[in-house]
Amino acid sequence: MYADPGGDYYSTAWDLIIPLVGLLFAAIVYLQQRFGGRCILPKRFKEVEGYEKVPVASDA
């Protein structure tokens, strides 16, 4: 089942849009992995939170 070019199932615009969106998605994933999401997330999410120390319960 292949789309018929005369059937208006797709156009030449989609021949450009689909690869460009794929490249954009790949660039977003690359930047997220490279910078840990700090370049994409809003400012309020950019703060790096550390682990909080909790007291250790001992068996003694």
PDB file of N, CA and C in Angstrom:
ATOM      1  N   MET A   1       0.830  -1.186   0.000  1.00  0.00           N
ATOM      2  CA  MET A   1       0.000   0.000   0.000  1.00  0.00           C
ATOM      3  C   MET A   1       0.870   1.244   0.000  1.00  0.00           C
ATOM      4  N   TYR A   2       1.091   1.772  -1.128  1.00  0.00           N
ATOM      5  CA  TYR A   2       1.852   3.000  -1.242  1.00  0.00           C
ATOM      6  C   TYR A   2       0.907   4.140  -1.578  1.00  0.00           C
ATOM      7  N   ALA A   3       1.262   5.334  -1.107  1.00  0.00           N
ATOM      8  CA  ALA A   3       0.418   6.498  -1.373  1.00  0.00           C
ATOM      9  C   ALA A   3       0.541   6.901  -2.839  1.00  0.00           C
ATOM     10  N   ASP A   4      -0.553   7.256  -3.409  1.00  0.00           N
ATOM     11  CA  ASP A   4      -0.599   7.710  -4.793  1.00  0.00           C
ATOM     12  C   ASP A   4      -0.314   9.208  -4.823  1.00  0.00           C
ATOM     13  N   PRO A   5       0.710   9.655  -5.551  1.00  0.00           N
ATOM     14  CA  PRO A   5       1.021  11.086  -5.583  1.00  0.00           C
ATOM     15  C   PRO A   5      -0.144  11.932  -6.081  1.00  0.00           C
ATOM     16  N   GLY A   6      -0.988  11.365  -6.911  1.00  0.00           N
ATOM     17  CA  GLY A   6      -2.129  12.116  -7.410  1.00  0.00           C
ATOM     18  C   GLY A   6      -3.310  12.104  -6.456  1.00  0.00           C
ATOM     19  N   GLY A   7      -3.231  11.324  -5.417  1.00  0.00           N
ATOM     20  CA  GLY A   7      -4.336  11.190  -4.477  1.00  0.00           C
ATOM     21  C   GLY A   7      -4.305  12.195  -3.341  1.00  0.00           C
ATOM     22  N   ASP A   8      -3.385  13.122  -3.349  1.00  0.00           N
ATOM     23  CA  ASP A   8      -3.243  14.155  -2.318  1.00  0.00           C
ATOM     24  C   ASP A   8      -3.035  13.582  -0.921  1.00  0.00           C
ATOM     25  N   TYR A   9      -2.390  12.436  -0.832  1.00  0.00           N
ATOM     26  CA  TYR A   9      -2.089  11.888   0.490  1.00  0.00           C
ATOM     27  C   TYR A   9      -0.844  12.535   1.080  1.00  0.00           C
ATOM     28  N   TYR A  10      -0.012  13.049   0.239  1.00  0.00           N
ATOM     29  CA  TYR A  10       1.168  13.759   0.713  1.00  0.00           C
ATOM     30  C   TYR A  10       1.542  14.810  -0.327  1.00  0.00           C
ATOM     31  N   SER A  11       2.390  15.724   0.069  1.00  0.00           N
ATOM     32  CA  SER A  11       2.835  16.758  -0.857  1.00  0.00           C
ATOM     33  C   SER A  11       4.344  16.904  -0.733  1.00  0.00           C
ATOM     34  N   THR A  12       4.909  17.709  -1.592  1.00  0.00           N
ATOM     35  CA  THR A  12       6.351  17.928  -1.527  1.00  0.00           C
ATOM     36  C   THR A  12       6.735  18.674  -0.263  1.00  0.00           C
ATOM     37  N   ALA A  13       5.797  19.415   0.318  1.00  0.00           N
ATOM     38  CA  ALA A  13       6.093  20.103   1.579  1.00  0.00           C
ATOM     39  C   ALA A  13       6.401  19.087   2.676  1.00  0.00           C
ATOM     40  N   TRP A  14       5.641  18.003   2.721  1.00  0.00           N
ATOM     41  CA  TRP A  14       5.887  16.978   3.736  1.00  0.00           C
ATOM     42  C   TRP A  14       7.207  16.259   3.496  1.00  0.00           C
ATOM     43  N   ASP A  15       7.660  16.223   2.247  1.00  0.00           N
ATOM     44  CA  ASP A  15       8.962  15.627   1.957  1.00  0.00           C
ATOM     45  C   ASP A  15      10.087  16.426   2.606  1.00  0.00           C
ATOM     46  N   LEU A  16       9.864  17.693   2.868  1.00  0.00           N
ATOM     47  CA  LEU A  16      10.845  18.531   3.559  1.00  0.00           C
ATOM     48  C   LEU A  16      10.569  18.615   5.055  1.00  0.00           C
ATOM     49  N   ILE A  17       9.315  18.710   5.433  1.00  0.00           N
ATOM     50  CA  ILE A  17       8.958  18.912   6.837  1.00  0.00           C
ATOM     51  C   ILE A  17       9.360  17.714   7.693  1.00  0.00           C
ATOM     52  N   ILE A  18       9.074  16.513   7.241  1.00  0.00           N
ATOM     53  CA  ILE A  18       9.337  15.321   8.055  1.00  0.00           C
ATOM     54  C   ILE A  18      10.832  15.151   8.365  1.00  0.00           C
ATOM     55  N   PRO A  19      11.748  15.246   7.404  1.00  0.00           N
ATOM     56  CA  PRO A  19      13.171  15.142   7.763  1.00  0.00           C
ATOM     57  C   PRO A  19      13.651  16.297   8.638  1.00  0.00           C
ATOM     58  N   LEU A  20      13.134  17.506   8.401  1.00  0.00           N
ATOM     59  CA  LEU A  20      13.558  18.641   9.216  1.00  0.00           C
ATOM     60  C   LEU A  20      13.104  18.494  10.663  1.00  0.00           C
ATOM     61  N   VAL A  21      11.902  18.004  10.870  1.00  0.00           N
ATOM     62  CA  VAL A  21      11.423  17.762  12.233  1.00  0.00           C
ATOM     63  C   VAL A  21      12.256  16.659  12.882  1.00  0.00           C
ATOM     64  N   GLY A  22      12.638  15.664  12.117  1.00  0.00           N
ATOM     65  CA  GLY A  22      13.513  14.613  12.642  1.00  0.00           C
ATOM     66  C   GLY A  22      14.868  15.162  13.064  1.00  0.00           C
ATOM     67  N   LEU A  23      15.437  16.042  12.257  1.00  0.00           N
ATOM     68  CA  LEU A  23      16.711  16.669  12.618  1.00  0.00           C
ATOM     69  C   LEU A  23      16.564  17.565  13.839  1.00  0.00           C
ATOM     70  N   LEU A  24      15.460  18.297  13.929  1.00  0.00           N
ATOM     71  CA  LEU A  24      15.209  19.142  15.093  1.00  0.00           C
ATOM     72  C   LEU A  24      15.098  18.293  16.356  1.00  0.00           C
ATOM     73  N   PHE A  25      14.376  17.187  16.267  1.00  0.00           N
ATOM     74  CA  PHE A  25      14.239  16.284  17.405  1.00  0.00           C
ATOM     75  C   PHE A  25      15.598  15.727  17.824  1.00  0.00           C
ATOM     76  N   ALA A  26      16.418  15.333  16.847  1.00  0.00           N
ATOM     77  CA  ALA A  26      17.749  14.810  17.155  1.00  0.00           C
ATOM     78  C   ALA A  26      18.615  15.880  17.815  1.00  0.00           C
ATOM     79  N   ALA A  27      18.510  17.125  17.360  1.00  0.00           N
ATOM     80  CA  ALA A  27      19.282  18.212  17.965  1.00  0.00           C
ATOM     81  C   ALA A  27      18.831  18.474  19.396  1.00  0.00           C
ATOM     82  N   ILE A  28      17.529  18.419  19.650  1.00  0.00           N
ATOM     83  CA  ILE A  28      17.022  18.627  21.010  1.00  0.00           C
ATOM     84  C   ILE A  28      17.515  17.523  21.937  1.00  0.00           C
ATOM     85  N   VAL A  29      17.470  16.283  21.476  1.00  0.00           N
ATOM     86  CA  VAL A  29      17.946  15.168  22.298  1.00  0.00           C
ATOM     87  C   VAL A  29      19.445  15.304  22.551  1.00  0.00           C
ATOM     88  N   TYR A  30      20.205  15.697  21.539  1.00  0.00           N
ATOM     89  CA  TYR A  30      21.649  15.881  21.702  1.00  0.00           C
ATOM     90  C   TYR A  30      21.943  16.967  22.733  1.00  0.00           C
ATOM     91  N   LEU A  31      21.263  18.109  22.619  1.00  0.00           N
ATOM     92  CA  LEU A  31      21.505  19.200  23.561  1.00  0.00           C
ATOM     93  C   LEU A  31      21.092  18.819  24.975  1.00  0.00           C
ATOM     94  N   GLN A  32      20.015  18.081  25.101  1.00  0.00           N
ATOM     95  CA  GLN A  32      19.577  17.651  26.425  1.00  0.00           C
ATOM     96  C   GLN A  32      20.617  16.719  27.054  1.00  0.00           C
ATOM     97  N   GLN A  33      21.159  15.807  26.269  1.00  0.00           N
ATOM     98  CA  GLN A  33      22.159  14.893  26.800  1.00  0.00           C
ATOM     99  C   GLN A  33      23.475  15.609  27.087  1.00  0.00           C
ATOM    100  N   ARG A  34      23.822  16.563  26.257  1.00  0.00           N
ATOM    101  CA  ARG A  34      25.089  17.279  26.426  1.00  0.00           C
ATOM    102  C   ARG A  34      25.072  18.210  27.621  1.00  0.00           C
ATOM    103  N   PHE A  35      23.974  18.932  27.815  1.00  0.00           N
ATOM    104  CA  PHE A  35      23.909  19.944  28.865  1.00  0.00           C
ATOM    105  C   PHE A  35      22.956  19.571  29.992  1.00  0.00           C
ATOM    106  N   GLY A  36      22.474  18.373  30.032  1.00  0.00           N
ATOM    107  CA  GLY A  36      21.634  17.921  31.123  1.00  0.00           C
ATOM    108  C   GLY A  36      20.277  18.589  31.175  1.00  0.00           C
ATOM    109  N   GLY A  37      19.762  19.038  30.072  1.00  0.00           N
ATOM    110  CA  GLY A  37      18.442  19.648  30.037  1.00  0.00           C
ATOM    111  C   GLY A  37      18.421  21.103  30.444  1.00  0.00           C
ATOM    112  N   ARG A  38      19.562  21.660  30.830  1.00  0.00           N
ATOM    113  CA  ARG A  38      19.582  23.051  31.298  1.00  0.00           C
ATOM    114  C   ARG A  38      19.384  24.051  30.170  1.00  0.00           C
ATOM    115  N   CYS A  39      19.628  23.646  28.933  1.00  0.00           N
ATOM    116  CA  CYS A  39      19.480  24.584  27.824  1.00  0.00           C
ATOM    117  C   CYS A  39      18.063  24.606  27.271  1.00  0.00           C
ATOM    118  N   ILE A  40      17.231  23.647  27.660  1.00  0.00           N
ATOM    119  CA  ILE A  40      15.888  23.548  27.104  1.00  0.00           C
ATOM    120  C   ILE A  40      14.825  23.908  28.129  1.00  0.00           C
ATOM    121  N   LEU A  41      15.052  23.520  29.375  1.00  0.00           N
ATOM    122  CA  LEU A  41      14.047  23.725  30.411  1.00  0.00           C
ATOM    123  C   LEU A  41      13.897  25.196  30.774  1.00  0.00           C
ATOM    124  N   PRO A  42      12.722  25.592  31.247  1.00  0.00           N
ATOM    125  CA  PRO A  42      12.531  26.966  31.707  1.00  0.00           C
ATOM    126  C   PRO A  42      13.447  27.299  32.881  1.00  0.00           C
ATOM    127  N   LYS A  43      13.591  28.580  33.171  1.00  0.00           N
ATOM    128  CA  LYS A  43      14.537  29.049  34.175  1.00  0.00           C
ATOM    129  C   LYS A  43      14.263  28.462  35.556  1.00  0.00           C
ATOM    130  N   ARG A  44      13.015  28.272  35.903  1.00  0.00           N
ATOM    131  CA  ARG A  44      12.705  27.780  37.250  1.00  0.00           C
ATOM    132  C   ARG A  44      13.153  26.337  37.454  1.00  0.00           C
ATOM    133  N   PHE A  45      13.349  25.592  36.366  1.00  0.00           N
ATOM    134  CA  PHE A  45      13.801  24.211  36.485  1.00  0.00           C
ATOM    135  C   PHE A  45      15.317  24.081  36.361  1.00  0.00           C
ATOM    136  N   LYS A  46      16.012  25.174  36.106  1.00  0.00           N
ATOM    137  CA  LYS A  46      17.448  25.112  35.875  1.00  0.00           C
ATOM    138  C   LYS A  46      18.256  24.982  37.160  1.00  0.00           C
ATOM    139  N   GLU A  47      17.641  25.229  38.300  1.00  0.00           N
ATOM    140  CA  GLU A  47      18.369  25.150  39.557  1.00  0.00           C
ATOM    141  C   GLU A  47      18.755  23.701  39.828  1.00  0.00           C
ATOM    142  N   VAL A  48      20.019  23.520  40.147  1.00  0.00           N
ATOM    143  CA  VAL A  48      20.506  22.182  40.429  1.00  0.00           C
ATOM    144  C   VAL A  48      20.284  21.906  41.907  1.00  0.00           C
ATOM    145  N   GLU A  49      19.534  20.867  42.182  1.00  0.00           N
ATOM    146  CA  GLU A  49      19.280  20.495  43.561  1.00  0.00           C
ATOM    147  C   GLU A  49      20.186  19.340  43.940  1.00  0.00           C
ATOM    148  N   GLY A  50      20.747  19.436  45.140  1.00  0.00           N
ATOM    149  CA  GLY A  50      21.596  18.358  45.621  1.00  0.00           C
ATOM    150  C   GLY A  50      20.799  17.409  46.494  1.00  0.00           C
ATOM    151  N   TYR A  51      21.452  16.359  46.893  1.00  0.00           N
ATOM    152  CA  TYR A  51      20.804  15.411  47.781  1.00  0.00           C
ATOM    153  C   TYR A  51      20.815  15.966  49.197  1.00  0.00           C
ATOM    154  N   GLU A  52      19.780  15.694  49.936  1.00  0.00           N
ATOM    155  CA  GLU A  52      19.721  16.162  51.312  1.00  0.00           C
ATOM    156  C   GLU A  52      20.198  15.035  52.216  1.00  0.00           C
ATOM    157  N   LYS A  53      20.995  15.407  53.227  1.00  0.00           N
ATOM    158  CA  LYS A  53      21.517  14.399  54.142  1.00  0.00           C
ATOM    159  C   LYS A  53      20.454  14.066  55.177  1.00  0.00           C
ATOM    160  N   VAL A  54      20.297  12.797  55.416  1.00  0.00           N
ATOM    161  CA  VAL A  54      19.345  12.341  56.425  1.00  0.00           C
ATOM    162  C   VAL A  54      20.113  11.577  57.492  1.00  0.00           C
ATOM    163  N   PRO A  55      19.605  11.602  58.725  1.00  0.00           N
ATOM    164  CA  PRO A  55      20.317  10.881  59.785  1.00  0.00           C
ATOM    165  C   PRO A  55      20.294   9.367  59.539  1.00  0.00           C
ATOM    166  N   VAL A  56      21.360   8.724  59.948  1.00  0.00           N
ATOM    167  CA  VAL A  56      21.486   7.284  59.765  1.00  0.00           C
ATOM    168  C   VAL A  56      21.014   6.589  61.034  1.00  0.00           C
ATOM    169  N   ALA A  57      20.124   5.659  60.891  1.00  0.00           N
ATOM    170  CA  ALA A  57      19.657   4.886  62.044  1.00  0.00           C
ATOM    171  C   ALA A  57      20.617   3.730  62.272  1.00  0.00           C
ATOM    172  N   SER A  58      21.069   3.597  63.493  1.00  0.00           N
ATOM    173  CA  SER A  58      21.990   2.502  63.809  1.00  0.00           C
ATOM    174  C   SER A  58      21.262   1.421  64.596  1.00  0.00           C
ATOM    175  N   ASP A  59      21.770   0.217  64.517  1.00  0.00           N
ATOM    176  CA  ASP A  59      21.153  -0.911  65.212  1.00  0.00           C
ATOM    177  C   ASP A  59      21.556  -0.971  66.679  1.00  0.00           C
ATOM    178  N   ALA A  60      22.542  -0.218  67.092  1.00  0.00           N
ATOM    179  CA  ALA A  60      23.047  -0.298  68.472  1.00  0.00           C
ATOM    180  C   ALA A  60      22.155   0.353  69.484  1.00  0.00           C
TER     181      ALA A  60
END
